[in-house]
């Protein structure tokens, strides 16, 4: 019996050192969000940096197109182009004739850290959060800033994307 004891002890130690699959499964599920992955609203990278003509091919003819001086935009003395598409769903400010500030309205998704995926962007840790007001991400896929604004009841009212110019 004593000759089997070292072998039995070694076997017990080896089996105790192996990782438990139930432990790793529990760890993996504990980091998952309680919210499902958001539905794709629009892949914003298809619009970013595009000319008004290219955006029109993607979203259709603008409902409204106007030149307006945007106080905070670097358009210089020349007013920026501001176009509204699809009954106000998309509002785009063209800076130097490129889609730069993009607002997407009418979002039916919860305001969560994963909300950025609704724009076709990867899940990323937000750079700023105020769950009652806004969640903001910086420097995601060559975009300067992406903000999701609250509708006041836990959902998103609109996304605001700054492509090149802050």
N, C-alpha and C. Protein backbone atom coordinates (compact mmCIF):
# COMPACT_ATOMS: atom_id res chain seq x y z
N UNK A 1 0.81 -1.19 0.00
CA UNK A 1 0.00 0.00 0.00
C UNK A 1 0.85 1.25 0.00
N UNK A 2 1.99 1.21 0.70
CA UNK A 2 2.85 2.39 0.76
C UNK A 2 3.53 2.67 -0.56
N UNK A 3 3.65 1.67 -1.43
CA UNK A 3 4.27 1.91 -2.74
C UNK A 3 3.33 2.66 -3.66
N UNK A 4 2.05 2.55 -3.45
CA UNK A 4 1.07 3.27 -4.27
C UNK A 4 0.83 4.69 -3.78
N UNK A 5 1.16 4.98 -2.55
CA UNK A 5 0.88 6.29 -1.96
C UNK A 5 1.57 7.43 -2.71
N UNK A 6 2.87 7.34 -3.05
CA UNK A 6 3.48 8.45 -3.80
C UNK A 6 2.84 8.65 -5.17
N UNK A 7 2.47 7.57 -5.83
CA UNK A 7 1.84 7.69 -7.15
C UNK A 7 0.46 8.33 -7.01
N UNK A 8 -0.29 7.93 -6.00
CA UNK A 8 -1.61 8.49 -5.76
C UNK A 8 -1.52 9.96 -5.38
N UNK A 9 -0.54 10.31 -4.57
CA UNK A 9 -0.33 11.69 -4.16
C UNK A 9 0.05 12.55 -5.37
N UNK A 10 0.91 12.07 -6.23
CA UNK A 10 1.31 12.78 -7.43
C UNK A 10 0.12 12.98 -8.36
N UNK A 11 -0.69 11.97 -8.54
CA UNK A 11 -1.88 12.06 -9.39
C UNK A 11 -2.86 13.09 -8.84
N UNK A 12 -3.03 13.13 -7.53
CA UNK A 12 -3.93 14.10 -6.89
C UNK A 12 -3.42 15.52 -7.11
N UNK A 13 -2.12 15.73 -6.95
CA UNK A 13 -1.54 17.06 -7.15
C UNK A 13 -1.67 17.53 -8.59
N UNK A 14 -1.41 16.67 -9.55
CA UNK A 14 -1.51 17.03 -10.96
C UNK A 14 -2.94 17.39 -11.33
N UNK A 15 -3.89 16.60 -10.88
CA UNK A 15 -5.29 16.89 -11.23
C UNK A 15 -5.77 18.16 -10.55
N UNK A 16 -5.24 18.49 -9.39
CA UNK A 16 -5.63 19.72 -8.69
C UNK A 16 -5.08 20.95 -9.39
N UNK A 17 -3.98 20.81 -10.11
CA UNK A 17 -3.35 21.95 -10.78
C UNK A 17 -3.97 22.27 -12.13
N UNK A 18 -4.74 21.38 -12.70
CA UNK A 18 -5.35 21.64 -14.01
C UNK A 18 -6.43 22.70 -13.87
N UNK A 19 -6.55 23.60 -14.86
CA UNK A 19 -7.59 24.62 -14.77
C UNK A 19 -8.97 24.00 -14.89
N UNK A 20 -9.86 24.52 -14.14
CA UNK A 20 -11.24 24.04 -14.16
C UNK A 20 -11.99 24.73 -15.27
N UNK A 21 -12.68 23.98 -16.12
CA UNK A 21 -13.42 24.58 -17.22
C UNK A 21 -14.61 25.37 -16.70
N UNK A 22 -15.19 24.96 -15.59
CA UNK A 22 -16.33 25.70 -15.05
C UNK A 22 -15.88 27.05 -14.52
N UNK A 23 -14.66 27.14 -13.98
CA UNK A 23 -14.16 28.42 -13.50
C UNK A 23 -13.95 29.39 -14.65
N UNK A 24 -13.32 28.94 -15.74
CA UNK A 24 -13.07 29.84 -16.86
C UNK A 24 -14.36 30.22 -17.56
N UNK A 25 -15.35 29.30 -17.61
CA UNK A 25 -16.64 29.65 -18.21
C UNK A 25 -17.35 30.69 -17.37
N UNK A 26 -17.29 30.56 -16.06
CA UNK A 26 -17.94 31.54 -15.18
C UNK A 26 -17.29 32.90 -15.32
N UNK A 27 -15.97 32.93 -15.44
CA UNK A 27 -15.26 34.19 -15.61
C UNK A 27 -15.64 34.84 -16.93
N UNK A 28 -15.75 34.07 -17.99
CA UNK A 28 -16.08 34.62 -19.30
C UNK A 28 -17.48 35.22 -19.32
N UNK A 29 -18.43 34.56 -18.68
CA UNK A 29 -19.79 35.08 -18.72
C UNK A 29 -19.98 36.25 -17.77
N UNK A 30 -19.16 36.38 -16.74
CA UNK A 30 -19.34 37.48 -15.80
C UNK A 30 -18.94 38.82 -16.41
N UNK A 31 -18.12 38.84 -17.47
CA UNK A 31 -17.72 40.10 -18.09
C UNK A 31 -18.64 40.50 -19.23
N UNK A 32 -19.57 39.65 -19.62
CA UNK A 32 -20.48 39.98 -20.71
C UNK A 32 -21.50 41.00 -20.26
N UNK A 33 -21.93 41.83 -21.20
CA UNK A 33 -22.94 42.85 -20.91
C UNK A 33 -24.31 42.20 -20.78
N UNK A 34 -25.15 42.75 -19.90
CA UNK A 34 -26.51 42.23 -19.80
C UNK A 34 -27.37 42.62 -21.01
N UNK A 35 -26.85 43.54 -21.84
CA UNK A 35 -27.58 44.00 -23.01
C UNK A 35 -27.11 43.24 -24.25
N UNK A 36 -28.00 42.95 -25.18
CA UNK A 36 -27.57 42.30 -26.42
C UNK A 36 -26.78 43.28 -27.27
N UNK A 37 -25.99 42.75 -28.19
CA UNK A 37 -25.23 43.61 -29.11
C UNK A 37 -26.23 44.48 -29.87
N UNK A 38 -25.97 45.79 -29.96
CA UNK A 38 -26.91 46.67 -30.65
C UNK A 38 -27.06 46.32 -32.13
N UNK A 39 -28.24 46.56 -32.66
CA UNK A 39 -28.48 46.37 -34.09
C UNK A 39 -27.73 47.46 -34.85
N UNK A 40 -27.27 47.13 -36.04
CA UNK A 40 -26.56 48.11 -36.86
C UNK A 40 -27.53 49.17 -37.33
N UNK A 41 -27.28 50.41 -36.96
CA UNK A 41 -28.09 51.55 -37.40
C UNK A 41 -27.57 52.01 -38.75
N UNK A 42 -26.26 52.27 -38.83
CA UNK A 42 -25.62 52.66 -40.08
C UNK A 42 -24.12 52.58 -39.87
N UNK A 43 -23.40 52.06 -40.85
CA UNK A 43 -21.94 52.02 -40.77
C UNK A 43 -21.42 53.41 -41.08
N UNK A 44 -21.13 54.16 -40.04
CA UNK A 44 -20.76 55.57 -40.18
C UNK A 44 -19.46 55.76 -40.96
N UNK A 45 -18.61 54.74 -41.03
CA UNK A 45 -17.36 54.88 -41.78
C UNK A 45 -17.63 55.02 -43.28
N UNK A 46 -18.81 54.59 -43.74
CA UNK A 46 -19.16 54.77 -45.16
C UNK A 46 -19.44 56.23 -45.48
N UNK A 47 -19.82 57.03 -44.48
CA UNK A 47 -20.13 58.45 -44.69
C UNK A 47 -18.95 59.36 -44.39
N UNK A 48 -18.12 58.99 -43.44
CA UNK A 48 -17.04 59.84 -42.97
C UNK A 48 -16.10 60.25 -44.09
N UNK A 49 -15.90 61.56 -44.22
CA UNK A 49 -14.95 62.09 -45.19
C UNK A 49 -15.43 62.11 -46.62
N UNK A 50 -16.68 61.76 -46.86
CA UNK A 50 -17.21 61.71 -48.23
C UNK A 50 -17.70 63.09 -48.67
N UNK A 51 -17.70 63.31 -49.98
CA UNK A 51 -18.20 64.55 -50.56
C UNK A 51 -19.73 64.55 -50.52
N UNK A 52 -20.36 65.72 -50.70
CA UNK A 52 -21.82 65.74 -50.75
C UNK A 52 -22.39 64.81 -51.83
N UNK A 53 -21.72 64.71 -52.96
CA UNK A 53 -22.19 63.83 -54.04
C UNK A 53 -22.11 62.36 -53.63
N UNK A 54 -21.03 61.98 -52.97
CA UNK A 54 -20.89 60.60 -52.51
C UNK A 54 -21.91 60.26 -51.43
N UNK A 55 -22.17 61.21 -50.54
CA UNK A 55 -23.17 60.98 -49.49
C UNK A 55 -24.55 60.85 -50.11
N UNK A 56 -24.83 61.65 -51.13
CA UNK A 56 -26.12 61.57 -51.81
C UNK A 56 -26.33 60.19 -52.43
N UNK A 57 -25.27 59.59 -52.96
CA UNK A 57 -25.38 58.24 -53.52
C UNK A 57 -25.73 57.22 -52.43
N UNK A 58 -25.29 57.47 -51.20
CA UNK A 58 -25.55 56.54 -50.10
C UNK A 58 -26.89 56.78 -49.41
N UNK A 59 -27.24 58.05 -49.20
CA UNK A 59 -28.44 58.38 -48.42
C UNK A 59 -29.59 58.93 -49.25
N UNK A 60 -29.34 59.19 -50.52
CA UNK A 60 -30.37 59.81 -51.35
C UNK A 60 -30.23 61.32 -51.35
N UNK A 61 -31.09 61.96 -52.10
CA UNK A 61 -31.05 63.41 -52.22
C UNK A 61 -31.35 64.06 -50.86
N UNK A 62 -30.61 65.12 -50.50
CA UNK A 62 -30.89 65.75 -49.21
C UNK A 62 -32.26 66.42 -49.19
N UNK A 63 -32.93 66.36 -48.05
CA UNK A 63 -34.19 67.06 -47.86
C UNK A 63 -33.95 68.56 -47.82
N UNK A 64 -32.81 68.92 -47.27
CA UNK A 64 -32.46 70.32 -47.14
C UNK A 64 -30.94 70.44 -47.25
N UNK A 65 -30.49 71.42 -48.02
CA UNK A 65 -29.06 71.70 -48.15
C UNK A 65 -28.89 73.20 -48.04
N UNK A 66 -28.05 73.61 -47.12
CA UNK A 66 -27.86 75.03 -46.92
C UNK A 66 -26.40 75.31 -46.56
N UNK A 67 -25.99 76.51 -46.85
CA UNK A 67 -24.67 76.96 -46.43
C UNK A 67 -24.88 77.76 -45.15
N UNK A 68 -24.16 77.41 -44.14
CA UNK A 68 -24.34 78.12 -42.88
C UNK A 68 -23.02 78.26 -42.16
N UNK A 69 -22.87 79.39 -41.52
CA UNK A 69 -21.67 79.64 -40.73
C UNK A 69 -21.84 78.90 -39.41
N UNK A 70 -20.99 77.95 -39.19
CA UNK A 70 -21.02 77.19 -37.94
C UNK A 70 -19.93 77.77 -37.06
N UNK A 71 -20.34 78.36 -35.98
CA UNK A 71 -19.45 79.12 -35.11
C UNK A 71 -18.18 78.35 -34.74
N UNK A 72 -18.30 77.07 -34.46
CA UNK A 72 -17.16 76.30 -33.98
C UNK A 72 -16.42 75.55 -35.09
N UNK A 73 -16.90 75.64 -36.32
CA UNK A 73 -16.27 74.89 -37.42
C UNK A 73 -15.15 75.71 -38.05
N UNK A 74 -14.12 75.05 -38.51
CA UNK A 74 -12.99 75.74 -39.13
C UNK A 74 -13.20 75.99 -40.63
N UNK A 75 -14.38 76.43 -41.01
CA UNK A 75 -14.66 76.67 -42.43
C UNK A 75 -14.06 77.99 -42.90
N UNK A 76 -13.54 78.75 -41.98
CA UNK A 76 -13.01 80.06 -42.36
C UNK A 76 -14.16 81.00 -42.66
N UNK A 77 -13.96 81.86 -43.62
CA UNK A 77 -15.00 82.83 -43.99
C UNK A 77 -16.08 82.20 -44.87
N UNK A 78 -15.80 81.03 -45.40
CA UNK A 78 -16.76 80.35 -46.27
C UNK A 78 -17.69 79.51 -45.39
N UNK A 79 -19.01 79.69 -45.52
CA UNK A 79 -19.92 78.87 -44.71
C UNK A 79 -19.78 77.38 -45.04
N UNK A 80 -20.00 76.58 -44.04
CA UNK A 80 -19.98 75.12 -44.22
C UNK A 80 -21.29 74.70 -44.88
N UNK A 81 -21.26 73.57 -45.56
CA UNK A 81 -22.49 73.00 -46.08
C UNK A 81 -23.14 72.14 -45.02
N UNK A 82 -24.44 72.32 -44.83
CA UNK A 82 -25.16 71.50 -43.87
C UNK A 82 -26.33 70.88 -44.60
N UNK A 83 -26.36 69.54 -44.65
CA UNK A 83 -27.39 68.82 -45.38
C UNK A 83 -28.15 67.90 -44.43
N UNK A 84 -29.46 67.83 -44.64
CA UNK A 84 -30.32 66.94 -43.87
C UNK A 84 -30.89 65.90 -44.83
N UNK A 85 -30.86 64.64 -44.41
CA UNK A 85 -31.30 63.52 -45.25
C UNK A 85 -32.36 62.70 -44.52
N UNK A 86 -33.20 62.03 -45.30
CA UNK A 86 -34.16 61.05 -44.81
C UNK A 86 -35.02 61.60 -43.67
N UNK A 87 -35.70 62.70 -43.95
CA UNK A 87 -36.61 63.36 -43.00
C UNK A 87 -35.94 63.66 -41.65
N UNK A 88 -34.69 64.10 -41.70
CA UNK A 88 -34.00 64.50 -40.48
C UNK A 88 -33.26 63.40 -39.76
N UNK A 89 -33.30 62.20 -40.28
CA UNK A 89 -32.57 61.09 -39.63
C UNK A 89 -31.07 61.36 -39.62
N UNK A 90 -30.55 61.91 -40.72
CA UNK A 90 -29.13 62.24 -40.82
C UNK A 90 -28.98 63.74 -41.02
N UNK A 91 -28.10 64.35 -40.26
CA UNK A 91 -27.76 65.76 -40.42
C UNK A 91 -26.23 65.82 -40.51
N UNK A 92 -25.72 66.33 -41.62
CA UNK A 92 -24.28 66.27 -41.86
C UNK A 92 -23.75 67.67 -42.16
N UNK A 93 -22.68 68.06 -41.45
CA UNK A 93 -21.97 69.30 -41.73
C UNK A 93 -20.74 68.91 -42.54
N UNK A 94 -20.62 69.52 -43.71
CA UNK A 94 -19.48 69.28 -44.60
C UNK A 94 -18.45 70.37 -44.34
N UNK A 95 -17.29 69.97 -43.88
CA UNK A 95 -16.19 70.90 -43.65
C UNK A 95 -15.15 70.63 -44.72
N UNK A 96 -14.81 71.68 -45.45
CA UNK A 96 -13.91 71.57 -46.60
C UNK A 96 -14.45 70.52 -47.58
N UNK A 97 -15.76 70.56 -47.78
CA UNK A 97 -16.49 69.71 -48.74
C UNK A 97 -16.42 68.22 -48.42
N UNK A 98 -16.21 67.88 -47.15
CA UNK A 98 -16.20 66.48 -46.73
C UNK A 98 -17.11 66.30 -45.52
N UNK A 99 -17.84 65.18 -45.49
CA UNK A 99 -18.72 64.88 -44.36
C UNK A 99 -17.87 64.76 -43.10
N UNK A 100 -18.08 65.68 -42.17
CA UNK A 100 -17.23 65.73 -40.99
C UNK A 100 -18.00 65.60 -39.69
N UNK A 101 -19.06 66.36 -39.52
CA UNK A 101 -19.87 66.26 -38.31
C UNK A 101 -21.17 65.59 -38.69
N UNK A 102 -21.39 64.40 -38.19
CA UNK A 102 -22.54 63.58 -38.59
C UNK A 102 -23.43 63.33 -37.37
N UNK A 103 -24.70 63.70 -37.50
CA UNK A 103 -25.68 63.42 -36.46
C UNK A 103 -26.66 62.39 -37.02
N UNK A 104 -26.89 61.33 -36.26
CA UNK A 104 -27.86 60.31 -36.66
C UNK A 104 -28.93 60.26 -35.57
N UNK A 105 -30.15 60.60 -35.94
CA UNK A 105 -31.28 60.69 -35.01
C UNK A 105 -32.15 59.44 -35.05
N UNK A 106 -33.04 59.34 -34.07
CA UNK A 106 -34.03 58.26 -34.06
C UNK A 106 -33.43 56.91 -33.77
N UNK A 107 -32.61 56.82 -32.75
CA UNK A 107 -31.94 55.57 -32.41
C UNK A 107 -32.79 54.80 -31.39
N UNK A 108 -33.03 53.54 -31.65
CA UNK A 108 -33.83 52.71 -30.74
C UNK A 108 -32.94 51.68 -30.05
N UNK A 109 -31.91 52.15 -29.39
CA UNK A 109 -30.97 51.27 -28.70
C UNK A 109 -30.75 51.79 -27.28
N UNK A 110 -30.42 50.90 -26.33
CA UNK A 110 -30.12 51.36 -24.98
C UNK A 110 -28.78 52.11 -24.94
N UNK A 111 -28.68 53.07 -24.03
CA UNK A 111 -27.44 53.83 -23.85
C UNK A 111 -26.49 53.00 -22.99
N UNK A 112 -25.60 52.26 -23.66
CA UNK A 112 -24.64 51.38 -22.98
C UNK A 112 -23.26 51.58 -23.59
N UNK A 113 -22.26 50.99 -22.95
CA UNK A 113 -20.89 51.04 -23.47
C UNK A 113 -20.79 50.42 -24.86
N UNK A 114 -21.66 49.46 -25.16
CA UNK A 114 -21.62 48.75 -26.44
C UNK A 114 -22.36 49.48 -27.55
N UNK A 115 -23.01 50.58 -27.25
CA UNK A 115 -23.84 51.29 -28.23
C UNK A 115 -23.08 51.69 -29.48
N UNK A 116 -21.79 51.91 -29.37
CA UNK A 116 -20.97 52.32 -30.52
C UNK A 116 -21.04 51.28 -31.65
N UNK A 117 -21.33 50.03 -31.32
CA UNK A 117 -21.42 48.98 -32.33
C UNK A 117 -22.59 49.21 -33.29
N UNK A 118 -23.57 50.00 -32.88
CA UNK A 118 -24.71 50.32 -33.75
C UNK A 118 -24.27 51.16 -34.95
N UNK A 119 -23.07 51.72 -34.88
CA UNK A 119 -22.52 52.51 -35.99
C UNK A 119 -21.50 51.72 -36.79
N UNK A 120 -21.45 50.42 -36.59
CA UNK A 120 -20.50 49.58 -37.32
C UNK A 120 -19.08 49.71 -36.79
N UNK A 121 -18.94 50.21 -35.58
CA UNK A 121 -17.62 50.39 -34.97
C UNK A 121 -17.39 49.32 -33.91
N UNK A 122 -16.13 49.01 -33.63
CA UNK A 122 -15.86 47.96 -32.65
C UNK A 122 -16.20 48.41 -31.22
N UNK A 123 -16.55 47.44 -30.39
CA UNK A 123 -16.78 47.73 -28.97
C UNK A 123 -15.47 48.24 -28.38
N UNK A 124 -15.55 49.37 -27.73
CA UNK A 124 -14.38 50.04 -27.18
C UNK A 124 -14.76 50.65 -25.84
N UNK A 125 -13.82 50.73 -24.93
CA UNK A 125 -14.08 51.36 -23.65
C UNK A 125 -14.30 52.86 -23.86
N UNK A 126 -15.39 53.41 -23.35
CA UNK A 126 -15.65 54.84 -23.53
C UNK A 126 -14.58 55.69 -22.83
N UNK A 127 -14.34 56.88 -23.38
CA UNK A 127 -13.40 57.80 -22.75
C UNK A 127 -14.12 58.69 -21.74
N UNK A 128 -15.44 58.76 -21.83
CA UNK A 128 -16.24 59.57 -20.90
C UNK A 128 -17.63 58.96 -20.79
N UNK A 129 -18.16 58.97 -19.57
CA UNK A 129 -19.51 58.44 -19.35
C UNK A 129 -20.27 59.29 -18.36
N UNK A 130 -21.48 59.60 -18.71
CA UNK A 130 -22.46 60.16 -17.80
C UNK A 130 -23.76 59.47 -18.20
N UNK A 131 -24.05 58.35 -17.59
CA UNK A 131 -25.17 57.50 -18.02
C UNK A 131 -26.48 58.26 -18.17
N UNK A 132 -26.63 59.37 -17.46
CA UNK A 132 -27.86 60.15 -17.59
C UNK A 132 -27.85 61.04 -18.82
N UNK A 133 -26.67 61.30 -19.40
CA UNK A 133 -26.58 62.27 -20.49
C UNK A 133 -25.90 61.77 -21.76
N UNK A 134 -24.66 61.30 -21.62
CA UNK A 134 -23.86 60.99 -22.81
C UNK A 134 -22.79 59.94 -22.49
N UNK A 135 -22.47 59.15 -23.51
CA UNK A 135 -21.29 58.28 -23.48
C UNK A 135 -20.46 58.70 -24.69
N UNK A 136 -19.15 58.88 -24.47
CA UNK A 136 -18.28 59.38 -25.54
C UNK A 136 -17.06 58.47 -25.70
N UNK A 137 -16.71 58.24 -26.96
CA UNK A 137 -15.51 57.47 -27.31
C UNK A 137 -14.61 58.37 -28.14
N UNK A 138 -13.31 58.26 -27.96
CA UNK A 138 -12.35 59.04 -28.74
C UNK A 138 -11.46 58.11 -29.56
N UNK A 139 -11.08 58.62 -30.73
CA UNK A 139 -10.11 57.94 -31.60
C UNK A 139 -10.49 56.49 -31.88
N UNK A 140 -11.63 56.32 -32.52
CA UNK A 140 -12.09 54.98 -32.90
C UNK A 140 -12.14 54.92 -34.43
N UNK A 141 -11.39 54.00 -35.01
CA UNK A 141 -11.38 53.78 -36.47
C UNK A 141 -11.21 55.08 -37.26
N UNK A 142 -10.22 55.86 -36.94
CA UNK A 142 -9.90 57.12 -37.62
C UNK A 142 -10.96 58.20 -37.44
N UNK A 143 -11.86 58.04 -36.51
CA UNK A 143 -12.83 59.08 -36.18
C UNK A 143 -12.35 59.78 -34.91
N UNK A 144 -12.48 61.09 -34.87
CA UNK A 144 -12.01 61.84 -33.70
C UNK A 144 -12.84 61.53 -32.45
N UNK A 145 -14.17 61.56 -32.62
CA UNK A 145 -15.03 61.42 -31.45
C UNK A 145 -16.40 60.91 -31.85
N UNK A 146 -16.94 60.01 -31.04
CA UNK A 146 -18.30 59.49 -31.23
C UNK A 146 -19.02 59.66 -29.90
N UNK A 147 -20.20 60.30 -29.94
CA UNK A 147 -20.98 60.51 -28.73
C UNK A 147 -22.38 59.95 -28.92
N UNK A 148 -22.88 59.28 -27.88
CA UNK A 148 -24.26 58.80 -27.86
C UNK A 148 -24.98 59.58 -26.77
N UNK A 149 -26.02 60.32 -27.14
CA UNK A 149 -26.75 61.17 -26.20
C UNK A 149 -28.04 60.49 -25.75
N UNK A 150 -28.33 60.65 -24.48
CA UNK A 150 -29.48 60.00 -23.85
C UNK A 150 -30.81 60.61 -24.29
N UNK A 151 -31.82 59.76 -24.33
CA UNK A 151 -33.18 60.24 -24.58
C UNK A 151 -33.93 60.50 -23.27
N UNK A 152 -33.24 60.34 -22.15
CA UNK A 152 -33.84 60.60 -20.85
C UNK A 152 -34.50 59.39 -20.19
N UNK A 153 -34.60 58.29 -20.93
CA UNK A 153 -35.23 57.10 -20.35
C UNK A 153 -34.40 55.84 -20.59
N UNK A 154 -33.07 56.00 -20.60
CA UNK A 154 -32.18 54.85 -20.73
C UNK A 154 -31.82 54.47 -22.14
N UNK A 155 -32.36 55.17 -23.12
CA UNK A 155 -32.06 54.89 -24.52
C UNK A 155 -31.23 56.00 -25.14
N UNK A 156 -30.95 55.84 -26.42
CA UNK A 156 -30.18 56.84 -27.16
C UNK A 156 -31.14 57.71 -27.96
N UNK A 157 -30.95 59.01 -27.87
CA UNK A 157 -31.71 59.95 -28.69
C UNK A 157 -31.02 60.11 -30.05
N UNK A 158 -29.70 60.33 -30.00
CA UNK A 158 -28.95 60.49 -31.24
C UNK A 158 -27.47 60.24 -31.02
N UNK A 159 -26.78 59.92 -32.12
CA UNK A 159 -25.33 59.83 -32.16
C UNK A 159 -24.79 61.09 -32.81
N UNK A 160 -23.66 61.57 -32.32
CA UNK A 160 -22.98 62.71 -32.91
C UNK A 160 -21.54 62.29 -33.16
N UNK A 161 -21.11 62.31 -34.41
CA UNK A 161 -19.79 61.82 -34.80
C UNK A 161 -18.99 62.98 -35.37
N UNK A 162 -17.79 63.17 -34.83
CA UNK A 162 -16.86 64.16 -35.38
C UNK A 162 -15.75 63.36 -36.05
N UNK A 163 -15.72 63.43 -37.37
CA UNK A 163 -14.81 62.59 -38.14
C UNK A 163 -13.37 63.09 -38.09
N UNK A 164 -13.15 64.33 -38.53
CA UNK A 164 -11.81 64.86 -38.63
C UNK A 164 -11.59 66.06 -37.74
N UNK A 165 -12.58 66.91 -37.67
CA UNK A 165 -12.45 68.19 -36.97
C UNK A 165 -13.20 68.15 -35.65
N UNK A 166 -12.49 68.49 -34.57
CA UNK A 166 -13.15 68.61 -33.27
C UNK A 166 -13.62 70.01 -33.14
